[in-house]
Amino acid sequence: MPVEVASVRAVLSWAVAPDAPDADASALLLTADGTVRGDDDFVFYNQPAHPSGAVRHLGKHGGADTVEVDLARLEPVVERVVLAASADGGTFGGFRDLRLRLLDARGGEELAVFEMAATTETAFVSGELYRRDGRWKFRAVGQGYESGLAGLATDFGISVDDGPAAGDGVPPAPGPGAVDTAARPGTAEAVEHLPVDMRKRLDLRQEQITVSLAKRGAAGVRARVVLVLDASGSMARLYTDRVVHDVVERMAAVAATLDDDGGMQAWTFASKPARLPDLRLADLPEWLELHVRGTNFTAPGRKKAKAAELRSGQVDMGRIGFGNEEQLVIREVRNYVKGAPRPEPTLVLFFSDGGVYRDNLIEKELRAAASQPVFWQFVGLGSAGFGMLERFDTLPDRAIDNVGFFSVADIAKVPDEELYERLLSEFPAWLAEARRIGVLTS
């Protein structure tokens, strides 16, 4: 349809409901070849105005997000303005009453309304304004990308930043170079081999992780990810109910987003630590079944059940004991990082259900770890006592805050978005401080 007014507002709206996803509207300014000229041609919540002033992100109010386009001020080289959006906390199929309203920005008159339907898309193009014979027109599109912002970015020529920004080492606020979540080196082929449902979950989770980091000025950051799983006797039900399986799958998305090879090193522990085979993204389903296992320790004096035959690479969980000795696995991970240095930092994701009692020894290990390029993120499962794991985060007389902690009563009920927000809330601040004092040099 022709657009006869000088400026328009594109209002993306949806019905707000509990547990429903949220959306963030954006706009891309394209030249005749269908691509952007650079980062400035992507307008969104963290880059809300184009340098020309012709396109502005006006912000979100309830179930609506608005972009304003001053057609009269668009540079002659701009031939199209794509009206896009990304889903936060779900897919566009989870929206009800999804629609785009095109309004006269000056008088507020409704020029068009486009009701849309979607399924598994996590990025969506609702419509576009385009120049034809010197006049502007609007076209309804209603198509999306299961690959999220990464797929949309690639289609429109947005360059993908493959590393941290120069300068103080803290990457800039998210621009077009920060939106790639699934196409990192070493991960694309691995993702192709995953089951479809797992691949969809991974894609959505990577987007949520990217957004969470970008909010804290850490877009595009790279890190080695290490996973530590409590397998003490009190964890038995969490393994039986496959809660830990789900946790590991959710943490695999962190590794796929932060680590160039998409993998992570892993340890399990009870009275003793044991290193598990490295988790590679392509092997995730099999790895979960082979290596996410609670202890099968039998107390002295009790009849030991016949142990199942171990498969290749499996740890004999009966040999790691039954109790909690966190300091031993912390020391083992520290020694691993020291013996296998990498230029990027290490993020340790440590899950435990408490029962911590070796406070002095744990404190000694974590204080010694402050000089290493490692951030320790502890997650408490349940409401048992977490001792020094919880208190260390607030102890005085530390050169740097190298530890984060939070606990959840039932992690299976925590939505992905909330989990990643809490999991990554302190890591970016540690990165900046670690670079400032020289713990990190890259």
Protein backbone atom coordinates (compact mmCIF):
# COMPACT_ATOMS: atom_id res chain seq x y z
CA MET A 1 0.00 0.00 0.00
CA PRO A 2 1.24 3.57 -0.63
CA VAL A 3 2.23 5.65 2.38
CA GLU A 4 1.28 9.27 1.86
CA VAL A 5 2.35 10.71 5.22
CA ALA A 6 5.79 12.11 6.09
CA SER A 7 6.44 9.94 9.13
CA VAL A 8 4.95 6.77 10.60
CA ARG A 9 4.92 4.79 13.80
CA ALA A 10 5.08 1.01 13.59
CA VAL A 11 3.52 -0.43 16.74
CA LEU A 12 4.10 -4.13 17.37
CA SER A 13 1.54 -5.30 19.93
CA TRP A 14 0.44 -8.52 21.63
CA ALA A 15 -1.77 -9.68 24.49
CA VAL A 16 0.09 -9.68 27.80
CA ALA A 17 -0.38 -12.91 29.77
CA PRO A 18 1.40 -14.72 32.63
CA ASP A 19 4.33 -16.85 31.43
CA ALA A 20 3.93 -15.48 27.88
CA PRO A 21 7.02 -14.26 26.01
CA ASP A 22 7.96 -10.63 25.53
CA ALA A 23 9.10 -8.93 22.33
CA ASP A 24 11.65 -6.27 21.38
CA ALA A 25 11.01 -4.29 18.21
CA SER A 26 13.81 -3.11 15.93
CA ALA A 27 14.40 -1.64 12.48
CA LEU A 28 17.07 -2.16 9.82
CA LEU A 29 17.91 0.47 7.20
CA LEU A 30 18.84 -1.23 3.90
CA THR A 31 20.43 0.01 0.71
CA ALA A 32 19.55 -1.13 -2.83
CA ASP A 33 21.48 -4.38 -2.40
CA GLY A 34 19.32 -5.36 0.58
CA THR A 35 21.99 -4.96 3.25
CA VAL A 36 22.90 -2.51 5.99
CA ARG A 37 25.88 -0.16 5.59
CA GLY A 38 27.13 -0.78 9.11
CA ASP A 39 26.22 -1.03 12.80
CA ASP A 40 24.40 2.32 12.82
CA ASP A 41 21.75 0.97 10.44
CA PHE A 42 20.36 -1.34 13.13
CA VAL A 43 18.03 0.52 15.51
CA PHE A 44 16.85 -1.30 18.66
CA TYR A 45 16.45 -0.87 22.42
CA ASN A 46 20.17 -0.47 23.12
CA GLN A 47 20.85 1.71 20.06
CA PRO A 48 17.57 3.64 20.00
CA ALA A 49 18.26 6.28 17.33
CA HIS A 50 19.83 6.30 13.88
CA PRO A 51 22.51 9.01 13.45
CA SER A 52 20.33 10.68 10.81
CA GLY A 53 17.48 10.98 13.30
CA ALA A 54 15.16 9.38 10.75
CA VAL A 55 14.50 6.17 12.71
CA ARG A 56 13.97 5.94 16.46
CA HIS A 57 13.04 3.18 18.87
CA LEU A 58 10.44 4.81 21.13
CA GLY A 59 10.31 2.04 23.68
CA LYS A 60 7.97 -0.49 25.18
CA HIS A 61 4.75 0.12 27.10
CA GLY A 62 2.86 -2.95 28.28
CA GLY A 63 2.29 -5.29 25.37
CA ALA A 64 3.49 -2.90 22.67
CA ASP A 65 6.86 -1.78 21.31
CA THR A 66 7.15 1.12 18.87
CA VAL A 67 9.53 2.27 16.15
CA GLU A 68 9.10 5.66 14.49
CA VAL A 69 10.30 6.30 10.92
CA ASP A 70 10.54 9.82 9.49
CA LEU A 71 10.34 8.98 5.79
CA ALA A 72 11.13 12.53 4.74
CA ARG A 73 14.47 12.46 6.59
CA LEU A 74 15.72 9.09 5.35
CA GLU A 75 18.92 9.39 3.34
CA PRO A 76 18.48 8.83 -0.41
CA VAL A 77 20.68 5.72 -0.27
CA VAL A 78 18.19 4.01 2.07
CA GLU A 79 15.72 2.04 -0.04
CA ARG A 80 14.01 -0.10 2.62
CA VAL A 81 13.30 -0.04 6.34
CA VAL A 82 12.64 -3.53 7.69
CA LEU A 83 10.44 -3.68 10.78
CA ALA A 84 11.65 -6.62 12.87
CA ALA A 85 11.47 -8.00 16.39
CA SER A 86 12.98 -10.68 18.62
CA ALA A 87 11.17 -12.84 21.17
CA ASP A 88 12.30 -12.86 24.79
CA GLY A 89 11.33 -15.90 26.88
CA GLY A 90 9.73 -18.01 24.17
CA THR A 91 8.87 -18.08 20.48
CA PHE A 92 6.52 -15.91 18.47
CA GLY A 93 4.09 -18.81 18.43
CA GLY A 94 3.58 -18.10 22.12
CA PHE A 95 2.09 -14.65 21.45
CA ARG A 96 -1.66 -14.06 21.30
CA ASP A 97 -3.17 -11.27 19.25
CA LEU A 98 0.16 -10.46 17.57
CA ARG A 99 -0.26 -7.54 15.22
CA LEU A 100 1.47 -4.59 13.61
CA ARG A 101 -0.29 -1.23 13.46
CA LEU A 102 1.03 1.46 11.13
CA LEU A 103 0.09 4.96 12.33
CA ASP A 104 0.55 8.50 11.08
CA ALA A 105 3.19 9.72 13.55
CA ARG A 106 1.78 13.24 13.57
CA GLY A 107 -1.96 12.77 13.76
CA GLY A 108 -2.12 9.22 15.16
CA GLU A 109 -4.45 8.01 12.41
CA GLU A 110 -4.28 4.25 11.80
CA LEU A 111 -3.05 3.63 8.25
CA ALA A 112 -2.96 -0.18 8.38
CA VAL A 113 -3.26 -3.10 10.76
CA PHE A 114 -1.65 -6.47 10.07
CA GLU A 115 -2.68 -9.49 12.19
CA MET A 116 0.05 -12.11 12.24
CA ALA A 117 0.45 -15.79 13.11
CA ALA A 118 3.70 -17.53 14.02
CA THR A 119 5.00 -20.87 15.30
CA THR A 120 8.63 -21.58 16.29
CA GLU A 121 10.21 -18.31 15.15
CA THR A 122 12.37 -16.40 17.64
CA ALA A 123 13.00 -13.43 15.32
CA PHE A 124 10.27 -11.97 13.14
CA VAL A 125 9.86 -9.48 10.30
CA SER A 126 6.39 -7.97 10.51
CA GLY A 127 6.65 -5.64 7.52
CA GLU A 128 8.79 -3.18 5.62
CA LEU A 129 8.67 0.32 4.22
CA TYR A 130 10.22 0.58 0.77
CA ARG A 131 10.89 3.27 -1.80
CA ARG A 132 9.42 2.85 -5.29
CA ASP A 133 9.70 5.53 -8.00
CA GLY A 134 10.44 8.17 -5.40
CA ARG A 135 7.44 7.33 -3.21
CA TRP A 136 7.17 5.23 -0.06
CA LYS A 137 5.06 2.10 0.30
CA PHE A 138 4.38 -0.46 3.01
CA ARG A 139 4.47 -4.24 2.54
CA ALA A 140 3.19 -6.79 5.07
CA VAL A 141 5.69 -9.66 5.54
CA GLY A 142 4.93 -11.81 8.62
CA GLN A 143 7.89 -14.17 8.33
CA GLY A 144 10.49 -15.20 10.87
CA TYR A 145 13.60 -17.12 11.75
CA GLU A 146 13.96 -20.15 14.00
CA SER A 147 17.65 -19.20 14.15
CA GLY A 148 16.71 -15.98 15.91
CA LEU A 149 18.57 -12.71 15.55
CA ALA A 150 21.57 -14.55 14.13
CA GLY A 151 19.56 -15.69 11.11
CA LEU A 152 18.00 -12.28 10.62
CA ALA A 153 21.38 -10.58 10.93
CA THR A 154 22.96 -12.81 8.31
CA ASP A 155 20.17 -12.16 5.81
CA PHE A 156 20.65 -8.41 5.99
CA GLY A 157 24.44 -8.31 5.92
CA ILE A 158 25.07 -7.52 9.56
CA SER A 159 28.66 -8.32 10.43
CA VAL A 160 29.21 -10.62 13.39
CA ASP A 161 31.87 -9.66 15.90
CA ASP A 162 33.88 -12.77 16.76
CA GLY A 163 35.69 -11.43 19.78
CA PRO A 164 35.88 -8.78 22.50
CA ALA A 165 36.28 -5.15 21.62
CA ALA A 166 39.60 -3.41 21.84
CA GLY A 167 40.39 -0.84 24.51
CA ASP A 168 39.57 -1.71 28.08
CA GLY A 169 38.54 -5.23 27.11
CA VAL A 170 34.86 -4.77 27.88
CA PRO A 171 32.81 -5.28 24.70
CA PRO A 172 30.49 -2.46 23.66
CA ALA A 173 26.74 -2.41 24.05
CA PRO A 174 25.07 -4.91 21.71
CA GLY A 175 24.95 -3.83 18.10
CA PRO A 176 24.73 -5.88 14.93
CA GLY A 177 28.11 -7.42 15.75
CA ALA A 178 26.73 -8.94 18.92
CA VAL A 179 23.67 -10.83 17.81
CA ASP A 180 25.11 -14.09 16.54
CA THR A 181 24.28 -16.84 18.99
CA ALA A 182 24.31 -20.07 17.05
CA ALA A 183 26.85 -19.65 14.27
CA ARG A 184 30.05 -19.54 16.28
CA PRO A 185 33.12 -21.38 15.01
CA GLY A 186 32.96 -25.05 15.84
CA THR A 187 29.30 -25.09 16.91
CA ALA A 188 27.29 -24.94 13.68
CA GLU A 189 28.02 -28.50 12.54
CA ALA A 190 27.54 -29.83 16.06
CA VAL A 191 24.11 -28.25 16.36
CA GLU A 192 22.98 -29.86 13.10
CA HIS A 193 23.34 -33.32 14.67
CA LEU A 194 21.16 -32.60 17.69
CA PRO A 195 17.51 -33.72 17.89
CA VAL A 196 15.16 -31.06 16.55
CA ASP A 197 13.54 -30.26 19.91
CA MET A 198 16.91 -29.97 21.63
CA ARG A 199 18.20 -27.77 18.80
CA LYS A 200 15.24 -25.42 19.19
CA ARG A 201 15.76 -25.15 22.93
CA LEU A 202 19.45 -24.48 22.42
CA ASP A 203 18.81 -21.73 19.88
CA LEU A 204 16.34 -19.91 22.12
CA ARG A 205 18.56 -20.27 25.18
CA GLN A 206 21.57 -18.87 23.34
CA GLU A 207 19.56 -15.80 22.42
CA GLN A 208 18.55 -15.30 26.04
CA ILE A 209 22.16 -15.65 27.18
CA THR A 210 23.33 -13.17 24.56
CA VAL A 211 20.71 -10.63 25.62
CA SER A 212 21.58 -11.09 29.30
CA LEU A 213 25.28 -10.45 28.66
CA ALA A 214 24.56 -7.54 26.34
CA LYS A 215 22.50 -5.79 29.03
CA ARG A 216 25.65 -5.79 31.17
CA GLY A 217 28.04 -4.55 28.50
CA ALA A 218 29.56 -7.99 27.84
CA ALA A 219 28.23 -8.72 24.35
CA GLY A 220 30.48 -11.01 22.35
CA VAL A 221 32.58 -12.11 25.34
CA ARG A 222 34.45 -15.42 25.05
CA ALA A 223 35.17 -17.75 27.95
CA ARG A 224 36.07 -21.32 28.74
CA VAL A 225 33.15 -22.89 30.61
CA VAL A 226 33.69 -25.52 33.32
CA LEU A 227 30.80 -27.44 34.89
CA VAL A 228 30.92 -28.91 38.41
CA LEU A 229 28.11 -31.20 39.62
CA ASP A 230 27.48 -32.27 43.20
CA ALA A 231 26.80 -36.03 43.23
CA SER A 232 26.64 -36.55 46.99
CA GLY A 233 23.99 -38.80 48.49
CA SER A 234 21.52 -35.98 49.16
CA MET A 235 21.43 -35.23 45.42
CA ALA A 236 20.03 -38.67 44.56
CA ARG A 237 16.46 -37.59 43.91
CA LEU A 238 17.55 -34.71 41.67
CA TYR A 239 19.37 -37.24 39.50
CA THR A 240 16.53 -39.76 39.55
CA ASP A 241 13.99 -37.09 38.57
CA ARG A 242 16.35 -35.93 35.79
CA VAL A 243 16.51 -32.42 37.21
CA VAL A 244 20.30 -32.48 36.89
CA HIS A 245 19.99 -33.68 33.28
CA ASP A 246 17.94 -30.58 32.53
CA VAL A 247 20.43 -28.34 34.33
CA VAL A 248 23.30 -29.72 32.26
CA GLU A 249 21.40 -29.16 29.00
CA ARG A 250 20.73 -25.57 30.05
CA MET A 251 24.41 -25.06 30.90
CA ALA A 252 25.45 -26.49 27.52
CA ALA A 253 23.80 -23.43 25.99
CA VAL A 254 26.16 -21.22 28.03
CA ALA A 255 29.18 -23.11 26.68
CA ALA A 256 27.81 -22.99 23.13
CA THR A 257 27.45 -19.21 23.44
CA LEU A 258 30.73 -18.35 25.18
CA ASP A 259 33.22 -20.98 24.02
CA ASP A 260 34.36 -21.11 20.39
CA ASP A 261 34.27 -24.91 20.31
CA GLY A 262 30.91 -25.07 22.08
CA GLY A 263 32.18 -27.57 24.64
CA MET A 264 32.99 -27.57 28.31
CA GLN A 265 35.08 -29.47 30.82
CA ALA A 266 33.16 -31.16 33.63
CA TRP A 267 33.70 -32.57 37.11
CA THR A 268 31.54 -34.49 39.54
CA PHE A 269 32.22 -34.83 43.25
CA ALA A 270 31.09 -36.13 46.61
CA SER A 271 33.76 -37.14 49.11
CA LYS A 272 36.23 -37.17 46.22
CA PRO A 273 36.29 -35.33 42.89
CA ALA A 274 36.31 -37.05 39.51
CA ARG A 275 36.75 -35.48 36.12
CA LEU A 276 34.15 -36.41 33.52
CA PRO A 277 34.84 -36.62 29.78
CA ASP A 278 34.62 -33.23 28.08
CA LEU A 279 31.11 -32.37 26.92
CA ARG A 280 30.96 -31.69 23.17
CA LEU A 281 27.80 -30.15 21.82
CA ALA A 282 27.30 -32.78 19.13
CA ASP A 283 27.38 -35.51 21.81
CA LEU A 284 25.02 -33.79 24.26
CA PRO A 285 22.17 -36.38 24.26
CA GLU A 286 24.51 -39.32 24.74
CA TRP A 287 26.66 -37.41 27.26
CA LEU A 288 23.63 -36.71 29.41
CA GLU A 289 22.73 -40.39 29.56
CA LEU A 290 26.28 -41.63 30.16
CA HIS A 291 27.71 -39.10 32.60
CA VAL A 292 24.96 -37.33 34.55
CA ARG A 293 24.75 -39.84 37.38
CA GLY A 294 24.45 -39.63 41.15
CA THR A 295 26.61 -41.59 43.55
CA ASN A 296 26.01 -45.31 44.02
CA PHE A 297 28.10 -45.40 47.19
CA THR A 298 27.16 -48.11 49.70
CA ALA A 299 27.82 -47.44 53.38
CA PRO A 300 30.07 -49.92 55.22
CA GLY A 301 28.16 -52.88 56.60
CA ARG A 302 25.41 -52.69 54.00
CA LYS A 303 25.04 -55.15 51.19
CA LYS A 304 26.28 -53.64 47.97
CA ALA A 305 24.01 -53.95 44.99
CA LYS A 306 25.50 -55.45 41.90
CA ALA A 307 27.00 -52.59 39.93
CA ALA A 308 26.10 -52.14 36.30
CA GLU A 309 28.96 -52.58 33.88
CA LEU A 310 30.63 -49.25 33.19
CA ARG A 311 30.57 -47.97 29.65
CA SER A 312 33.46 -46.21 27.97
CA GLY A 313 34.50 -43.05 29.81
CA GLN A 314 32.05 -43.48 32.68
CA VAL A 315 33.19 -42.74 36.23
CA ASP A 316 32.58 -45.41 38.85
CA MET A 317 30.30 -43.27 41.02
CA GLY A 318 30.76 -45.65 43.95
CA ARG A 319 34.36 -44.51 44.23
CA ILE A 320 33.63 -40.84 44.84
CA GLY A 321 31.96 -41.48 48.21
CA PHE A 322 28.84 -40.03 49.70
CA GLY A 323 29.64 -36.77 51.52
CA ASN A 324 30.58 -33.20 50.58
CA GLU A 325 34.19 -32.13 50.03
CA GLU A 326 33.84 -29.04 47.83
CA GLN A 327 37.37 -27.83 48.53
CA LEU A 328 38.86 -30.88 46.80
CA VAL A 329 37.09 -30.33 43.50
CA ILE A 330 37.74 -26.57 43.68
CA ARG A 331 41.46 -27.32 44.02
CA GLU A 332 41.34 -29.80 41.14
CA VAL A 333 39.66 -27.29 38.83
CA ARG A 334 42.18 -24.63 39.87
CA ASN A 335 45.05 -26.96 39.02
CA TYR A 336 43.47 -27.79 35.67
CA VAL A 337 43.14 -24.12 34.71
CA LYS A 338 46.74 -23.48 35.76
CA GLY A 339 48.01 -26.45 33.76
CA ALA A 340 45.94 -25.71 30.64
CA PRO A 341 46.10 -21.91 30.23
CA ARG A 342 43.99 -20.16 27.61
CA PRO A 343 43.88 -16.49 26.64
CA GLU A 344 40.21 -16.10 27.54
CA PRO A 345 38.84 -16.26 31.11
CA THR A 346 37.24 -19.32 32.68
CA LEU A 347 33.68 -19.37 34.01
CA VAL A 348 33.02 -22.19 36.51
CA LEU A 349 29.35 -23.17 36.93
CA PHE A 350 29.18 -25.04 40.23
CA PHE A 351 25.94 -26.77 41.36
CA SER A 352 25.46 -28.09 44.88
CA ASP A 353 22.55 -28.87 47.19
CA GLY A 354 24.42 -27.75 50.29
CA GLY A 355 25.51 -29.63 53.37
CA VAL A 356 28.74 -27.61 53.21
CA TYR A 357 30.93 -27.87 56.29
CA ARG A 358 34.60 -27.45 55.23
CA ASP A 359 34.33 -23.67 55.42
CA ASN A 360 37.95 -22.87 56.28
CA LEU A 361 39.34 -25.10 53.55
CA ILE A 362 36.88 -23.78 50.98
CA GLU A 363 37.71 -20.19 51.89
CA LYS A 364 41.42 -20.92 51.54
CA GLU A 365 40.94 -22.34 48.03
CA LEU A 366 38.71 -19.51 46.82
CA ARG A 367 41.02 -16.81 48.20
CA ALA A 368 43.95 -18.46 46.41
CA ALA A 369 41.85 -18.62 43.24
CA ALA A 370 41.41 -14.82 43.20
CA SER A 371 44.73 -14.42 41.38
CA GLN A 372 43.59 -16.76 38.59
CA PRO A 373 41.56 -15.74 35.52
CA VAL A 374 38.56 -17.69 36.84
CA PHE A 375 35.11 -16.61 38.02
CA TRP A 376 33.26 -19.07 40.25
CA GLN A 377 29.47 -19.01 39.98
CA PHE A 378 27.89 -21.20 42.66
CA VAL A 379 24.25 -22.23 42.39
CA GLY A 380 22.56 -23.68 45.47
CA LEU A 381 19.87 -26.27 44.82
CA GLY A 382 17.25 -26.34 47.56
CA SER A 383 17.42 -24.74 50.98
CA ALA A 384 20.14 -26.62 52.85
CA GLY A 385 23.09 -24.79 54.41
CA PHE A 386 25.61 -23.57 51.83
CA GLY A 387 28.21 -22.31 54.27
CA MET A 388 31.21 -20.60 52.79
CA LEU A 389 29.93 -20.96 49.21
CA GLU A 390 27.25 -18.42 50.12
CA ARG A 391 29.22 -16.22 52.54
CA PHE A 392 32.40 -15.90 50.49
CA ASP A 393 30.63 -13.55 48.08
CA THR A 394 30.50 -10.89 50.81
CA LEU A 395 33.76 -11.46 52.69
CA PRO A 396 36.05 -8.42 53.06
CA ASP A 397 39.77 -8.19 52.30
CA ARG A 398 39.68 -9.64 48.80
CA ALA A 399 41.67 -8.26 45.89
CA ILE A 400 38.74 -9.01 43.58
CA ASP A 401 35.24 -10.43 43.89
CA ASN A 402 35.78 -13.72 42.06
CA VAL A 403 32.69 -15.54 43.37
CA GLY A 404 28.95 -15.30 42.77
CA PHE A 405 26.23 -17.22 44.60
CA PHE A 406 22.48 -17.66 44.48
CA SER A 407 20.14 -20.45 45.48
CA VAL A 408 16.80 -21.66 44.17
CA ALA A 409 14.25 -23.85 45.90
CA ASP A 410 13.35 -25.76 42.72
CA ILE A 411 15.54 -25.05 39.72
CA ALA A 412 13.24 -27.04 37.43
CA LYS A 413 10.59 -24.33 37.92
CA VAL A 414 12.92 -21.40 37.19
CA PRO A 415 12.39 -20.11 33.61
CA ASP A 416 15.44 -20.03 31.37
CA GLU A 417 15.45 -16.25 31.14
CA GLU A 418 15.49 -15.83 34.92
CA LEU A 419 18.11 -18.55 35.38
CA TYR A 420 20.53 -16.99 32.88
CA GLU A 421 19.93 -13.50 34.28
CA ARG A 422 20.98 -14.69 37.73
CA LEU A 423 23.71 -16.98 36.49
CA LEU A 424 25.46 -14.23 34.51
CA SER A 425 24.70 -11.21 36.68
CA GLU A 426 28.16 -10.87 38.31
CA PHE A 427 30.46 -12.34 35.66
CA PRO A 428 30.65 -9.17 33.45
CA ALA A 429 31.62 -6.95 36.42
CA TRP A 430 34.35 -9.42 37.36
CA LEU A 431 35.64 -9.34 33.77
CA ALA A 432 36.05 -5.57 33.85
CA GLU A 433 37.72 -5.56 37.27
CA ALA A 434 39.97 -8.53 36.42
CA ARG A 435 41.24 -6.66 33.37
CA ARG A 436 41.72 -3.47 35.35
CA ILE A 437 43.94 -5.08 38.00
CA GLY A 438 45.77 -7.40 35.57
CA VAL A 439 44.27 -10.78 36.53
CA LEU A 440 43.14 -10.91 32.89
CA THR A 441 45.47 -9.66 30.20
CA SER A 442 43.48 -10.48 27.06
